Amino acid sequence: MDDEALLRYSRQIMLPEVDAAGQQALADASVLIVGAGGLGSPAALYLGAAGVGRMLIADADHVELSNLQRQIAHGTPDLGRPKVESAADAVRRLNPTVEVTPLPQRLEGDALDEAVAGVDLVLDGSDNFATRFAVNAACVRQRRPLVSAAVIRWEVQVAVFRGDRGGGPCYRCLFPDTEDRRETCSETGVAAPLPGVAGSLQALEALKLVTGAGEPLQGRLLIMDALSMRVRILHVPADPECPVCNGRR
């Protein structure tokens, strides 16, 4: 790292769990962020700020006025733009050393597997079970860690699934039902800061996975009720009947 990089990341390098070696690991790392909305926006910004070297951002949607209440990578001048372009520009403004590749499409099939195989880890910020199941299955096939999050009303959920290691659950072990019965933010609403909390936690878990710092939320589900400000962490067992991972990797 040159002097500018040392200064930019100095507060992070000071952490003994990161140090210069961890910062270099971040610079060498590549991340796929699925969704450039409420979760993907803060995750992309904080991973860019932290110094992740390469980032792919996938989303097929365009910026709408109702997005701006919580999707902080976009602004009023971005209305009508592809979300991935707006988010990529926001990351580049924050840290021009990050290589950002916008993917203005809904990743599925071979394209999804190719994108997952080409990165070190995946952050899922999508808003429907069909995409979440597809991303999880691709991470299991390609043996890539998955950092998953969801928000609704006043609740945050975050978990880590290690497709790159033997044992442990996958996302399908946690949600075995393939029918998408979960309500969406467009139907029930969501408090503006909550996606920022969840996306920031995703970025933090990704940073830990890359640097080896601390204990990631592997096999654990963090649930935060923002109205009461109570946090629970639940153990997520592997499901031996899971059709995706069979309870093992």
Protein backbone atom coordinates (compact mmCIF):
# COMPACT_ATOMS: atom_id res chain seq x y z
CA MET A 1 0.00 0.00 0.00
CA ASP A 2 1.17 3.52 -0.77
CA ASP A 3 1.06 6.44 1.66
CA GLU A 4 -2.38 7.55 0.47
CA ALA A 5 -3.86 4.11 1.10
CA LEU A 6 -2.22 3.90 4.51
CA LEU A 7 -3.78 7.24 5.44
CA ARG A 8 -7.20 6.39 3.97
CA TYR A 9 -7.46 3.13 5.92
CA SER A 10 -5.39 4.15 8.96
CA ARG A 11 -8.23 3.87 11.48
CA GLN A 12 -8.98 0.36 10.29
CA ILE A 13 -5.35 -0.76 10.10
CA MET A 14 -4.98 0.30 13.73
CA LEU A 15 -7.29 -2.55 14.72
CA PRO A 16 -5.09 -5.51 15.69
CA GLU A 17 -7.65 -7.89 14.18
CA VAL A 18 -7.17 -6.20 10.79
CA ASP A 19 -3.65 -4.69 10.67
CA ALA A 20 -1.88 -4.18 7.34
CA ALA A 21 -2.31 -7.84 6.38
CA GLY A 22 -6.07 -7.68 6.76
CA GLN A 23 -6.23 -4.44 4.82
CA GLN A 24 -4.28 -6.05 2.01
CA ALA A 25 -6.68 -9.00 2.09
CA LEU A 26 -9.55 -6.56 1.61
CA ALA A 27 -7.76 -4.95 -1.32
CA ASP A 28 -7.34 -8.38 -2.90
CA ALA A 29 -10.94 -9.44 -2.24
CA SER A 30 -13.89 -9.51 -4.63
CA VAL A 31 -17.54 -9.30 -3.60
CA LEU A 32 -20.87 -9.76 -5.38
CA ILE A 33 -23.76 -7.68 -4.02
CA VAL A 34 -27.15 -8.89 -5.23
CA GLY A 35 -29.52 -5.95 -5.08
CA ALA A 36 -28.69 -2.23 -5.09
CA GLY A 37 -31.61 -1.17 -2.91
CA GLY A 38 -32.04 -0.62 0.80
CA LEU A 39 -29.57 -3.34 1.84
CA GLY A 40 -27.17 -3.21 -1.08
CA SER A 41 -26.75 0.57 -0.88
CA PRO A 42 -25.12 0.77 2.59
CA ALA A 43 -23.32 -2.56 2.09
CA ALA A 44 -21.69 -1.34 -1.12
CA LEU A 45 -20.78 2.04 0.34
CA TYR A 46 -19.21 0.63 3.50
CA LEU A 47 -17.34 -2.14 1.70
CA GLY A 48 -16.05 0.45 -0.75
CA ALA A 49 -15.03 2.70 2.11
CA ALA A 50 -13.34 -0.24 3.86
CA GLY A 51 -11.20 -0.90 0.80
CA VAL A 52 -12.62 -4.00 -0.90
CA GLY A 53 -10.72 -4.23 -4.17
CA ARG A 54 -13.39 -5.44 -6.59
CA MET A 55 -17.17 -5.24 -6.37
CA LEU A 56 -19.94 -6.52 -8.62
CA ILE A 57 -23.39 -5.01 -8.07
CA ALA A 58 -26.37 -6.75 -9.69
CA ASP A 59 -29.87 -5.30 -9.98
CA ALA A 60 -32.35 -4.97 -12.83
CA ASP A 61 -34.38 -2.08 -11.39
CA HIS A 62 -34.30 1.69 -11.92
CA VAL A 63 -34.33 4.36 -9.24
CA GLU A 64 -37.83 5.43 -8.21
CA LEU A 65 -38.93 8.23 -5.91
CA SER A 66 -40.19 5.80 -3.25
CA ASN A 67 -36.68 4.27 -3.07
CA LEU A 68 -35.04 7.43 -1.78
CA GLN A 69 -36.48 7.11 1.74
CA ARG A 70 -34.00 4.32 2.49
CA GLN A 71 -31.76 3.48 -0.51
CA ILE A 72 -28.92 5.86 0.32
CA ALA A 73 -26.68 5.14 -2.68
CA HIS A 74 -29.19 7.02 -4.86
CA GLY A 75 -30.30 10.65 -4.92
CA THR A 76 -33.03 12.69 -6.52
CA PRO A 77 -30.90 13.38 -9.64
CA ASP A 78 -30.65 9.59 -10.15
CA LEU A 79 -34.39 9.08 -10.67
CA GLY A 80 -34.92 6.83 -13.69
CA ARG A 81 -31.30 5.63 -13.79
CA PRO A 82 -30.41 1.94 -13.41
CA LYS A 83 -29.76 1.35 -9.74
CA VAL A 84 -26.48 -0.41 -10.45
CA GLU A 85 -25.09 2.61 -12.28
CA SER A 86 -26.15 5.01 -9.53
CA ALA A 87 -24.72 2.73 -6.83
CA ALA A 88 -21.47 2.21 -8.75
CA ASP A 89 -21.03 5.97 -9.13
CA ALA A 90 -21.65 6.44 -5.39
CA VAL A 91 -18.96 3.88 -4.52
CA ARG A 92 -16.49 5.44 -6.97
CA ARG A 93 -17.08 8.91 -5.51
CA LEU A 94 -16.36 7.54 -2.07
CA ASN A 95 -13.33 5.47 -3.08
CA PRO A 96 -12.06 5.67 -6.66
CA THR A 97 -9.59 2.83 -6.06
CA VAL A 98 -12.41 0.25 -5.93
CA GLU A 99 -13.09 -1.58 -9.20
CA VAL A 100 -16.88 -1.58 -9.50
CA THR A 101 -18.73 -3.59 -12.15
CA PRO A 102 -22.45 -2.82 -12.50
CA LEU A 103 -24.59 -5.73 -13.71
CA PRO A 104 -27.97 -4.27 -14.81
CA GLN A 105 -29.77 -7.59 -14.83
CA ARG A 106 -31.51 -10.13 -12.66
CA LEU A 107 -28.88 -12.81 -12.23
CA GLU A 108 -30.18 -16.32 -12.78
CA GLY A 109 -29.09 -19.64 -14.24
CA ASP A 110 -25.57 -19.86 -15.64
CA ALA A 111 -25.06 -16.10 -15.31
CA LEU A 112 -25.67 -16.32 -11.57
CA ASP A 113 -23.30 -19.25 -11.14
CA GLU A 114 -20.63 -17.50 -13.19
CA ALA A 115 -20.91 -14.31 -11.12
CA VAL A 116 -20.78 -16.21 -7.82
CA ALA A 117 -17.83 -18.33 -8.95
CA GLY A 118 -15.90 -15.20 -9.91
CA VAL A 119 -15.90 -13.61 -6.44
CA ASP A 120 -14.75 -14.47 -2.92
CA LEU A 121 -18.08 -13.91 -1.19
CA VAL A 122 -21.68 -12.87 -1.83
CA LEU A 123 -24.00 -10.42 -0.08
CA ASP A 124 -27.69 -10.98 -0.74
CA GLY A 125 -29.75 -7.80 -0.54
CA SER A 126 -32.67 -9.04 -2.63
CA ASP A 127 -36.30 -8.67 -1.57
CA ASN A 128 -37.92 -11.99 -2.54
CA PHE A 129 -37.50 -15.65 -1.69
CA ALA A 130 -37.09 -16.78 -5.30
CA THR A 131 -33.91 -14.75 -5.69
CA ARG A 132 -32.69 -15.62 -2.19
CA PHE A 133 -33.11 -19.34 -2.84
CA ALA A 134 -31.34 -19.07 -6.21
CA VAL A 135 -28.42 -17.11 -4.75
CA ASN A 136 -28.09 -19.55 -1.86
CA ALA A 137 -28.07 -22.55 -4.20
CA ALA A 138 -25.40 -20.93 -6.37
CA CYS A 139 -23.26 -20.23 -3.28
CA VAL A 140 -23.57 -23.87 -2.22
CA ARG A 141 -22.64 -25.10 -5.70
CA GLN A 142 -19.71 -22.73 -6.03
CA ARG A 143 -18.65 -23.05 -2.37
CA ARG A 144 -18.80 -19.34 -1.60
CA PRO A 145 -19.81 -17.74 1.72
CA LEU A 146 -23.13 -15.93 1.74
CA VAL A 147 -24.04 -12.97 3.95
CA SER A 148 -27.83 -12.66 3.99
CA ALA A 149 -30.06 -9.94 5.46
CA ALA A 150 -33.69 -8.90 5.46
CA VAL A 151 -35.77 -6.05 6.88
CA ILE A 152 -39.49 -5.55 7.35
CA ARG A 153 -41.38 -2.92 9.36
CA TRP A 154 -39.12 -2.57 12.45
CA GLU A 155 -37.22 -5.87 12.25
CA VAL A 156 -33.73 -6.75 11.02
CA GLN A 157 -32.40 -10.24 10.29
CA VAL A 158 -28.79 -11.07 9.41
CA ALA A 159 -27.02 -14.43 9.03
CA VAL A 160 -23.89 -15.93 7.45
CA PHE A 161 -23.84 -19.22 5.55
CA ARG A 162 -20.43 -20.72 4.78
CA GLY A 163 -20.61 -22.43 1.42
CA ASP A 164 -16.80 -22.57 1.38
CA ARG A 165 -16.54 -24.82 4.46
CA GLY A 166 -17.80 -28.25 5.39
CA GLY A 167 -20.78 -28.48 7.69
CA GLY A 168 -23.22 -25.82 8.80
CA PRO A 169 -26.58 -24.78 7.42
CA CYS A 170 -27.44 -22.99 4.19
CA TYR A 171 -30.19 -20.40 3.72
CA ARG A 172 -32.64 -23.11 2.64
CA CYS A 173 -32.09 -24.91 5.97
CA LEU A 174 -33.42 -21.78 7.68
CA PHE A 175 -36.34 -21.24 5.28
CA PRO A 176 -37.33 -24.62 3.82
CA ASP A 177 -40.63 -23.44 2.34
CA THR A 178 -40.22 -22.54 -1.33
CA GLU A 179 -43.42 -20.48 -1.44
CA ASP A 180 -42.79 -16.75 -1.05
CA ARG A 181 -45.36 -15.82 1.59
CA ARG A 182 -43.27 -13.11 3.20
CA GLU A 183 -44.72 -9.61 3.04
CA THR A 184 -42.62 -6.94 1.36
CA CYS A 185 -41.73 -3.39 2.35
CA SER A 186 -44.00 -2.08 -0.39
CA GLU A 187 -46.92 -3.84 1.35
CA THR A 188 -46.12 -3.22 5.02
CA GLY A 189 -43.55 -0.43 5.13
CA VAL A 190 -40.13 -0.15 6.74
CA ALA A 191 -38.45 2.47 8.94
CA ALA A 192 -35.90 4.41 6.90
CA PRO A 193 -32.73 3.62 8.93
CA LEU A 194 -33.39 -0.13 9.23
CA PRO A 195 -32.02 -1.18 5.82
CA GLY A 196 -28.97 0.90 6.66
CA VAL A 197 -28.50 -1.06 9.88
CA ALA A 198 -28.90 -4.40 8.12
CA GLY A 199 -26.71 -3.50 5.14
CA SER A 200 -24.02 -2.14 7.46
CA LEU A 201 -24.08 -5.41 9.42
CA GLN A 202 -23.70 -7.30 6.15
CA ALA A 203 -20.65 -5.20 5.29
CA LEU A 204 -19.24 -5.82 8.76
CA GLU A 205 -19.72 -9.59 8.47
CA ALA A 206 -18.08 -9.51 5.03
CA LEU A 207 -15.12 -7.58 6.45
CA LYS A 208 -14.76 -10.19 9.19
CA LEU A 209 -14.90 -13.04 6.69
CA VAL A 210 -12.21 -11.49 4.49
CA THR A 211 -9.83 -10.49 7.28
CA GLY A 212 -10.47 -13.43 9.60
CA ALA A 213 -11.40 -11.06 12.43
CA GLY A 214 -13.76 -12.12 15.18
CA GLU A 215 -16.54 -14.67 14.91
CA PRO A 216 -18.89 -14.35 11.93
CA LEU A 217 -22.59 -15.14 12.26
CA GLN A 218 -22.06 -18.57 10.76
CA GLY A 219 -24.96 -20.83 11.64
CA ARG A 220 -26.55 -18.03 13.66
CA LEU A 221 -29.40 -15.66 12.92
CA LEU A 222 -29.32 -12.17 14.43
CA ILE A 223 -32.79 -10.68 14.92
CA MET A 224 -33.23 -7.09 16.04
CA ASP A 225 -36.56 -5.57 17.06
CA ALA A 226 -35.92 -1.85 16.61
CA LEU A 227 -39.08 -0.76 18.45
CA SER A 228 -37.92 -2.35 21.71
CA MET A 229 -34.22 -2.34 20.73
CA ARG A 230 -33.93 -5.99 21.68
CA VAL A 231 -31.48 -8.26 19.89
CA ARG A 232 -31.64 -12.05 19.81
CA ILE A 233 -29.20 -14.50 18.22
CA LEU A 234 -30.66 -17.89 17.33
CA HIS A 235 -28.73 -21.03 16.47
CA VAL A 236 -29.56 -22.32 12.98
CA PRO A 237 -28.98 -26.08 12.64
CA ALA A 238 -28.22 -27.79 9.38
CA ASP A 239 -31.22 -29.63 7.95
CA PRO A 240 -30.31 -33.19 6.90
CA GLU A 241 -33.38 -33.14 4.63
CA CYS A 242 -32.39 -29.87 2.92
CA PRO A 243 -32.65 -30.38 -0.86
CA VAL A 244 -29.83 -27.89 -1.48
CA CYS A 245 -27.03 -28.81 0.93
CA ASN A 246 -28.35 -32.05 2.53
CA GLY A 247 -27.25 -30.66 5.88
CA ARG A 248 -23.61 -30.67 4.83
CA ARG A 249 -21.22 -29.23 2.27
